[in-house]
Amino acid sequence: MKSKRNFLLAITISVPFLIVFLIYNSFSSVLTVTDFTVIEKGYSNDNNEAWIKGFNPNAPVGHQEETKVIVREPMVMNLIQKGKTYYVRYTTKRNGLIFLSDIETIEDPK
């Protein structure tokens, strides 16, 4: 009887901690807003995930790190061109995945 009570107590204590941990990890993210030059675009092996790779062209020459951004909208993916620079907003989740939030064409000065 005592072991059953200890088991229930352990479950009662651990379930709220597990719920808080999952919520914290699910909703924690960082929003980045930057210029982004697309150098590559493609799809995962199972074609379930579209992605673009690129870098911030305004970063100093030695510090331009390549970033892979997951594109959730297939229609947006069709409009993105390699070699073109865009103004983007993307979200980095706590698990390290980066998702495109918004993308805009940068107009060429005339």
N, C-alpha and C. Protein backbone atom coordinates (compact mmCIF):
# COMPACT_ATOMS: atom_id res chain seq x y z
N MET A 1 0.82 -1.19 0.00
CA MET A 1 0.00 0.00 0.00
C MET A 1 0.87 1.26 0.00
N LYS A 2 1.98 1.21 0.78
CA LYS A 2 2.86 2.35 0.86
C LYS A 2 3.57 2.60 -0.47
N SER A 3 3.97 1.55 -1.18
CA SER A 3 4.64 1.73 -2.47
C SER A 3 3.69 2.31 -3.51
N LYS A 4 2.42 1.96 -3.44
CA LYS A 4 1.43 2.50 -4.36
C LYS A 4 1.25 4.00 -4.10
N ARG A 5 1.24 4.40 -2.85
CA ARG A 5 1.10 5.80 -2.48
C ARG A 5 2.34 6.59 -2.93
N ASN A 6 3.53 6.01 -2.74
CA ASN A 6 4.76 6.66 -3.20
C ASN A 6 4.78 6.82 -4.72
N PHE A 7 4.29 5.81 -5.42
CA PHE A 7 4.22 5.87 -6.88
C PHE A 7 3.28 7.00 -7.32
N LEU A 8 2.12 7.09 -6.70
CA LEU A 8 1.17 8.15 -7.04
C LEU A 8 1.74 9.53 -6.72
N LEU A 9 2.45 9.63 -5.61
CA LEU A 9 3.08 10.90 -5.24
C LEU A 9 4.14 11.29 -6.27
N ALA A 10 4.94 10.34 -6.70
CA ALA A 10 5.96 10.61 -7.71
C ALA A 10 5.33 11.06 -9.03
N ILE A 11 4.26 10.42 -9.44
CA ILE A 11 3.56 10.80 -10.67
C ILE A 11 2.97 12.20 -10.52
N THR A 12 2.36 12.47 -9.38
CA THR A 12 1.74 13.77 -9.14
C THR A 12 2.76 14.89 -9.18
N ILE A 13 3.95 14.65 -8.72
CA ILE A 13 5.00 15.67 -8.72
C ILE A 13 5.65 15.79 -10.10
N SER A 14 5.90 14.69 -10.77
CA SER A 14 6.65 14.73 -12.03
C SER A 14 5.83 15.21 -13.22
N VAL A 15 4.53 14.96 -13.25
CA VAL A 15 3.71 15.37 -14.39
C VAL A 15 3.69 16.89 -14.57
N PRO A 16 3.47 17.70 -13.53
CA PRO A 16 3.52 19.15 -13.74
C PRO A 16 4.89 19.65 -14.23
N PHE A 17 5.97 19.08 -13.71
CA PHE A 17 7.30 19.47 -14.18
C PHE A 17 7.48 19.13 -15.65
N LEU A 18 7.00 17.98 -16.07
CA LEU A 18 7.10 17.57 -17.46
C LEU A 18 6.29 18.50 -18.36
N ILE A 19 5.10 18.88 -17.93
CA ILE A 19 4.27 19.79 -18.72
C ILE A 19 4.93 21.15 -18.86
N VAL A 20 5.46 21.69 -17.78
CA VAL A 20 6.15 22.98 -17.83
C VAL A 20 7.36 22.90 -18.74
N PHE A 21 8.14 21.85 -18.66
CA PHE A 21 9.31 21.66 -19.51
C PHE A 21 8.93 21.63 -20.98
N LEU A 22 7.89 20.90 -21.33
CA LEU A 22 7.46 20.80 -22.73
C LEU A 22 6.94 22.13 -23.25
N ILE A 23 6.17 22.84 -22.45
CA ILE A 23 5.66 24.15 -22.87
C ILE A 23 6.81 25.13 -23.06
N TYR A 24 7.74 25.15 -22.14
CA TYR A 24 8.89 26.06 -22.23
C TYR A 24 9.68 25.80 -23.49
N ASN A 25 9.96 24.55 -23.81
CA ASN A 25 10.74 24.22 -25.00
C ASN A 25 9.96 24.43 -26.29
N SER A 26 8.66 24.31 -26.24
CA SER A 26 7.85 24.46 -27.45
C SER A 26 7.68 25.92 -27.85
N PHE A 27 7.57 26.80 -26.89
CA PHE A 27 7.25 28.18 -27.19
C PHE A 27 8.43 29.14 -27.09
N SER A 28 9.58 28.67 -26.69
CA SER A 28 10.74 29.53 -26.60
C SER A 28 11.39 29.62 -27.97
N SER A 29 11.62 30.84 -28.42
CA SER A 29 12.24 31.04 -29.72
C SER A 29 12.86 32.42 -29.80
N VAL A 30 13.70 32.63 -30.82
CA VAL A 30 14.37 33.90 -31.04
C VAL A 30 14.03 34.36 -32.45
N LEU A 31 13.58 35.60 -32.59
CA LEU A 31 13.25 36.16 -33.89
C LEU A 31 14.45 36.94 -34.41
N THR A 32 14.85 36.68 -35.66
CA THR A 32 15.95 37.38 -36.31
C THR A 32 15.42 38.11 -37.53
N VAL A 33 15.84 39.36 -37.68
CA VAL A 33 15.46 40.16 -38.84
C VAL A 33 16.75 40.60 -39.50
N THR A 34 16.92 40.29 -40.80
CA THR A 34 18.18 40.57 -41.47
C THR A 34 18.02 40.55 -42.98
N ASP A 35 19.03 41.06 -43.66
CA ASP A 35 19.14 40.83 -45.10
C ASP A 35 19.66 39.41 -45.28
N PHE A 36 19.29 38.76 -46.36
CA PHE A 36 19.61 37.35 -46.53
C PHE A 36 19.80 37.07 -48.01
N THR A 37 21.01 36.69 -48.39
CA THR A 37 21.30 36.32 -49.77
C THR A 37 21.17 34.81 -49.90
N VAL A 38 20.28 34.36 -50.77
CA VAL A 38 20.03 32.93 -50.96
C VAL A 38 21.11 32.34 -51.86
N ILE A 39 21.80 31.30 -51.35
CA ILE A 39 22.84 30.65 -52.15
C ILE A 39 22.44 29.25 -52.60
N GLU A 40 21.40 28.70 -51.96
CA GLU A 40 20.96 27.35 -52.31
C GLU A 40 19.53 27.18 -51.83
N LYS A 41 18.75 26.38 -52.54
CA LYS A 41 17.41 26.04 -52.10
C LYS A 41 17.11 24.61 -52.49
N GLY A 42 16.26 23.95 -51.71
CA GLY A 42 15.99 22.56 -52.01
C GLY A 42 14.92 21.98 -51.11
N TYR A 43 14.80 20.65 -51.20
CA TYR A 43 13.80 19.92 -50.44
C TYR A 43 14.48 18.75 -49.73
N SER A 44 13.89 18.30 -48.64
CA SER A 44 14.41 17.14 -47.93
C SER A 44 14.23 15.90 -48.81
N ASN A 45 14.86 14.79 -48.42
CA ASN A 45 14.79 13.56 -49.21
C ASN A 45 13.36 13.07 -49.40
N ASP A 46 12.50 13.28 -48.40
CA ASP A 46 11.11 12.82 -48.52
C ASP A 46 10.18 13.92 -49.05
N ASN A 47 10.75 15.05 -49.48
CA ASN A 47 10.00 16.18 -50.04
C ASN A 47 8.96 16.77 -49.09
N ASN A 48 9.10 16.52 -47.80
CA ASN A 48 8.17 17.08 -46.83
C ASN A 48 8.63 18.43 -46.30
N GLU A 49 9.88 18.79 -46.56
CA GLU A 49 10.44 20.00 -45.99
C GLU A 49 11.21 20.78 -47.05
N ALA A 50 10.81 22.02 -47.26
CA ALA A 50 11.52 22.92 -48.18
C ALA A 50 12.46 23.79 -47.36
N TRP A 51 13.61 24.13 -47.91
CA TRP A 51 14.58 24.94 -47.18
C TRP A 51 15.38 25.82 -48.13
N ILE A 52 15.92 26.88 -47.56
CA ILE A 52 16.86 27.75 -48.28
C ILE A 52 18.10 27.90 -47.42
N LYS A 53 19.24 28.07 -48.07
CA LYS A 53 20.49 28.37 -47.37
C LYS A 53 20.98 29.72 -47.86
N GLY A 54 21.54 30.48 -46.94
CA GLY A 54 22.06 31.78 -47.31
C GLY A 54 22.84 32.40 -46.18
N PHE A 55 23.14 33.69 -46.35
CA PHE A 55 23.95 34.42 -45.36
C PHE A 55 23.56 35.88 -45.38
N ASN A 56 23.99 36.60 -44.35
CA ASN A 56 23.77 38.04 -44.27
C ASN A 56 24.88 38.73 -45.04
N PRO A 57 24.58 39.38 -46.17
CA PRO A 57 25.63 40.00 -46.97
C PRO A 57 26.26 41.23 -46.31
N ASN A 58 25.61 41.77 -45.27
CA ASN A 58 26.13 42.96 -44.59
C ASN A 58 27.08 42.62 -43.44
N ALA A 59 27.23 41.35 -43.13
CA ALA A 59 28.15 40.94 -42.07
C ALA A 59 29.59 41.11 -42.56
N PRO A 60 30.53 41.35 -41.65
CA PRO A 60 31.93 41.45 -42.07
C PRO A 60 32.39 40.18 -42.79
N VAL A 61 33.32 40.32 -43.70
CA VAL A 61 33.72 39.24 -44.60
C VAL A 61 34.07 37.94 -43.87
N GLY A 62 34.73 37.95 -42.79
CA GLY A 62 35.10 36.72 -42.10
C GLY A 62 33.99 36.13 -41.23
N HIS A 63 32.88 36.86 -41.10
CA HIS A 63 31.83 36.45 -40.17
C HIS A 63 30.49 36.16 -40.85
N GLN A 64 30.51 35.90 -42.13
CA GLN A 64 29.27 35.58 -42.86
C GLN A 64 29.00 34.09 -42.73
N GLU A 65 28.19 33.72 -41.74
CA GLU A 65 27.92 32.31 -41.55
C GLU A 65 26.66 31.90 -42.30
N GLU A 66 26.74 30.72 -42.89
CA GLU A 66 25.63 30.17 -43.67
C GLU A 66 24.53 29.68 -42.73
N THR A 67 23.29 29.99 -43.09
CA THR A 67 22.13 29.62 -42.29
C THR A 67 21.15 28.85 -43.16
N LYS A 68 20.63 27.75 -42.62
CA LYS A 68 19.60 26.96 -43.30
C LYS A 68 18.26 27.28 -42.66
N VAL A 69 17.31 27.74 -43.47
CA VAL A 69 16.00 28.17 -42.99
C VAL A 69 14.93 27.29 -43.63
N ILE A 70 14.04 26.74 -42.81
CA ILE A 70 12.96 25.90 -43.31
C ILE A 70 11.81 26.79 -43.77
N VAL A 71 11.31 26.51 -44.98
CA VAL A 71 10.21 27.28 -45.57
C VAL A 71 8.95 26.42 -45.49
N ARG A 72 7.96 26.87 -44.77
CA ARG A 72 6.75 26.08 -44.55
C ARG A 72 5.75 26.19 -45.70
N GLU A 73 5.76 27.30 -46.43
CA GLU A 73 4.78 27.54 -47.48
C GLU A 73 5.37 27.21 -48.86
N PRO A 74 4.81 26.20 -49.55
CA PRO A 74 5.34 25.83 -50.87
C PRO A 74 5.25 26.96 -51.90
N MET A 75 4.22 27.79 -51.82
CA MET A 75 4.08 28.88 -52.79
C MET A 75 5.17 29.92 -52.60
N VAL A 76 5.58 30.14 -51.36
CA VAL A 76 6.67 31.08 -51.08
C VAL A 76 7.97 30.53 -51.65
N MET A 77 8.17 29.24 -51.50
CA MET A 77 9.38 28.60 -52.00
C MET A 77 9.53 28.81 -53.51
N ASN A 78 8.43 28.77 -54.23
CA ASN A 78 8.47 28.95 -55.68
C ASN A 78 8.89 30.36 -56.08
N LEU A 79 8.69 31.33 -55.23
CA LEU A 79 9.02 32.72 -55.55
C LEU A 79 10.46 33.10 -55.18
N ILE A 80 11.11 32.32 -54.36
CA ILE A 80 12.47 32.62 -53.91
C ILE A 80 13.46 32.21 -54.99
N GLN A 81 14.41 33.12 -55.29
CA GLN A 81 15.40 32.87 -56.34
C GLN A 81 16.79 32.80 -55.74
N LYS A 82 17.59 31.85 -56.25
CA LYS A 82 18.99 31.76 -55.82
C LYS A 82 19.75 32.99 -56.30
N GLY A 83 20.68 33.45 -55.47
CA GLY A 83 21.52 34.58 -55.83
C GLY A 83 20.89 35.93 -55.54
N LYS A 84 19.65 35.96 -55.12
CA LYS A 84 18.97 37.21 -54.84
C LYS A 84 18.99 37.49 -53.34
N THR A 85 19.00 38.77 -52.98
CA THR A 85 19.01 39.17 -51.57
C THR A 85 17.62 39.63 -51.16
N TYR A 86 17.18 39.16 -50.01
CA TYR A 86 15.86 39.45 -49.47
C TYR A 86 15.98 40.02 -48.07
N TYR A 87 14.93 40.66 -47.63
CA TYR A 87 14.78 41.09 -46.25
C TYR A 87 13.93 40.01 -45.58
N VAL A 88 14.49 39.30 -44.58
CA VAL A 88 13.79 38.15 -43.99
C VAL A 88 13.64 38.30 -42.48
N ARG A 89 12.62 37.61 -41.97
CA ARG A 89 12.43 37.41 -40.55
C ARG A 89 12.31 35.91 -40.36
N TYR A 90 13.13 35.37 -39.48
CA TYR A 90 13.03 33.93 -39.20
C TYR A 90 13.13 33.68 -37.71
N THR A 91 12.55 32.57 -37.30
CA THR A 91 12.48 32.20 -35.89
C THR A 91 13.35 30.99 -35.63
N THR A 92 14.22 31.09 -34.64
CA THR A 92 15.05 29.97 -34.22
C THR A 92 14.43 29.37 -32.97
N LYS A 93 14.01 28.12 -33.07
CA LYS A 93 13.40 27.42 -31.93
C LYS A 93 14.50 26.92 -31.01
N ARG A 94 14.13 26.54 -29.80
CA ARG A 94 15.12 26.05 -28.82
C ARG A 94 15.80 24.77 -29.29
N ASN A 95 15.12 24.00 -30.16
CA ASN A 95 15.73 22.76 -30.64
C ASN A 95 16.70 23.01 -31.80
N GLY A 96 16.91 24.27 -32.17
CA GLY A 96 17.88 24.63 -33.20
C GLY A 96 17.31 24.76 -34.59
N LEU A 97 16.06 24.37 -34.80
CA LEU A 97 15.46 24.51 -36.12
C LEU A 97 15.11 25.97 -36.38
N ILE A 98 15.29 26.40 -37.62
CA ILE A 98 15.04 27.78 -38.01
C ILE A 98 13.92 27.78 -39.04
N PHE A 99 12.87 28.58 -38.78
CA PHE A 99 11.70 28.63 -39.65
C PHE A 99 11.51 30.04 -40.19
N LEU A 100 11.24 30.13 -41.49
CA LEU A 100 10.98 31.41 -42.13
C LEU A 100 9.64 31.97 -41.66
N SER A 101 9.65 33.22 -41.18
CA SER A 101 8.42 33.88 -40.75
C SER A 101 7.89 34.80 -41.83
N ASP A 102 8.81 35.53 -42.49
CA ASP A 102 8.40 36.50 -43.50
C ASP A 102 9.59 36.78 -44.41
N ILE A 103 9.31 37.06 -45.67
CA ILE A 103 10.36 37.37 -46.63
C ILE A 103 9.85 38.45 -47.57
N GLU A 104 10.70 39.44 -47.85
CA GLU A 104 10.34 40.54 -48.74
C GLU A 104 11.49 40.79 -49.71
N THR A 105 11.13 41.15 -50.92
CA THR A 105 12.13 41.51 -51.92
C THR A 105 12.71 42.87 -51.57
N ILE A 106 14.00 43.02 -51.70
CA ILE A 106 14.65 44.31 -51.52
C ILE A 106 14.69 44.99 -52.88
N GLU A 107 14.09 46.16 -52.97
CA GLU A 107 14.04 46.87 -54.24
C GLU A 107 15.42 47.44 -54.58
N ASP A 108 15.80 47.33 -55.83
CA ASP A 108 17.07 47.90 -56.30
C ASP A 108 16.93 49.41 -56.39
N PRO A 109 17.94 50.15 -55.88
CA PRO A 109 17.88 51.62 -56.00
C PRO A 109 17.99 52.02 -57.48
N LYS A 110 17.22 53.04 -57.84
CA LYS A 110 17.20 53.47 -59.25
C LYS A 110 17.89 54.78 -59.44
